[in-house]
Amino acid sequence: MPNSAMLPGRFLRLYRGRKLYRQIQTTLAASLRVQHTTYTRSTVYTAKHAGMIRLAPNGDILVQRGKRWDCVINHAGFRFEREVA
């Protein structure tokens, strides 16, 4: 690979997507809720919805809507429920 192909942040999108996906799956596995908010809608996912969220090969988070998969453009729209000790 030539030096011109080694751009800074080349794998940043994939890294952030994997990190967010791992956080979503561990939160749902702990029977906690994950909330995804856009400008028009807010959706709460629980453990039974774990199969509705997946990671695309390019690092995008995909959410199932019916038989289609929607790309989550803004990764900042996720909120995670925390365990209360």
Protein backbone atom coordinates (compact mmCIF):
# COMPACT_ATOMS: atom_id res chain seq x y z
CA MET A 1 0.00 0.00 0.00
CA PRO A 2 1.53 3.35 -0.96
CA ASN A 3 1.82 6.17 1.54
CA SER A 4 -0.79 8.19 -0.37
CA ALA A 5 -3.41 5.56 0.54
CA MET A 6 -2.61 5.82 4.26
CA LEU A 7 -4.94 8.68 5.10
CA PRO A 8 -5.45 9.74 8.72
CA GLY A 9 -8.76 8.52 10.08
CA ARG A 10 -9.20 6.01 7.25
CA PHE A 11 -10.75 3.39 9.53
CA LEU A 12 -12.35 5.85 11.98
CA ARG A 13 -15.91 5.28 10.74
CA LEU A 14 -15.53 1.50 11.06
CA TYR A 15 -13.97 1.84 14.53
CA ARG A 16 -16.76 4.10 15.79
CA GLY A 17 -19.42 1.84 14.30
CA ARG A 18 -17.96 -1.28 15.94
CA LYS A 19 -17.64 0.49 19.28
CA LEU A 20 -21.24 1.74 19.20
CA TYR A 21 -22.58 -1.64 18.04
CA ARG A 22 -20.73 -3.41 20.87
CA GLN A 23 -22.17 -0.93 23.38
CA ILE A 24 -25.70 -1.41 22.03
CA GLN A 25 -25.46 -5.21 22.16
CA THR A 26 -23.99 -5.31 25.69
CA THR A 27 -26.68 -2.92 26.93
CA LEU A 28 -29.45 -5.03 25.40
CA ALA A 29 -27.87 -8.26 26.69
CA ALA A 30 -28.01 -6.80 30.21
CA SER A 31 -31.80 -6.36 29.77
CA LEU A 32 -31.47 -2.57 29.68
CA ARG A 33 -32.98 -0.19 27.13
CA VAL A 34 -31.40 1.71 24.25
CA GLN A 35 -33.11 4.80 22.86
CA HIS A 36 -32.46 6.10 19.35
CA THR A 37 -33.69 9.61 18.63
CA THR A 38 -33.93 11.44 15.32
CA TYR A 39 -35.53 14.80 14.53
CA THR A 40 -38.96 13.25 14.07
CA ARG A 41 -39.01 10.01 16.06
CA SER A 42 -37.71 8.39 19.20
CA THR A 43 -37.56 4.60 19.45
CA VAL A 44 -36.75 2.51 22.51
CA TYR A 45 -35.18 -0.92 21.97
CA THR A 46 -35.15 -3.69 24.56
CA ALA A 47 -33.50 -7.13 24.67
CA LYS A 48 -36.15 -8.64 22.37
CA HIS A 49 -35.15 -6.13 19.65
CA ALA A 50 -31.45 -7.13 19.60
CA GLY A 51 -31.83 -8.80 16.20
CA MET A 52 -33.18 -5.59 14.68
CA ILE A 53 -29.82 -3.83 14.91
CA ARG A 54 -26.74 -4.81 12.95
CA LEU A 55 -23.42 -3.47 11.76
CA ALA A 56 -22.71 -2.89 8.07
CA PRO A 57 -19.26 -3.74 6.65
CA ASN A 58 -18.44 -0.04 6.27
CA GLY A 59 -19.20 0.75 9.94
CA ASP A 60 -22.76 2.04 9.62
CA ILE A 61 -25.39 0.95 12.11
CA LEU A 62 -28.47 -0.52 10.43
CA VAL A 63 -31.89 -0.68 12.10
CA GLN A 64 -34.66 -2.89 10.77
CA ARG A 65 -37.92 -1.23 9.79
CA GLY A 66 -40.35 -3.86 8.55
CA LYS A 67 -38.48 -5.87 5.91
CA ARG A 68 -36.06 -3.02 5.17
CA TRP A 69 -32.86 -1.94 6.89
CA ASP A 70 -32.40 1.79 7.52
CA CYS A 71 -28.98 3.32 7.94
CA VAL A 72 -28.50 5.34 11.11
CA ILE A 73 -26.70 8.42 9.85
CA ASN A 74 -26.01 10.17 13.14
CA HIS A 75 -24.41 7.93 15.75
CA ALA A 76 -24.94 10.59 18.41
CA GLY A 77 -28.69 9.89 18.62
CA PHE A 78 -28.29 6.89 20.95
CA ARG A 79 -28.94 6.98 24.70
CA PHE A 80 -28.22 4.04 26.98
CA GLU A 81 -30.05 3.12 30.16
CA ARG A 82 -27.68 2.59 33.06
CA GLU A 83 -28.00 0.06 35.83
CA VAL A 84 -29.02 1.50 39.16
CA ALA A 85 -27.03 -0.07 41.99
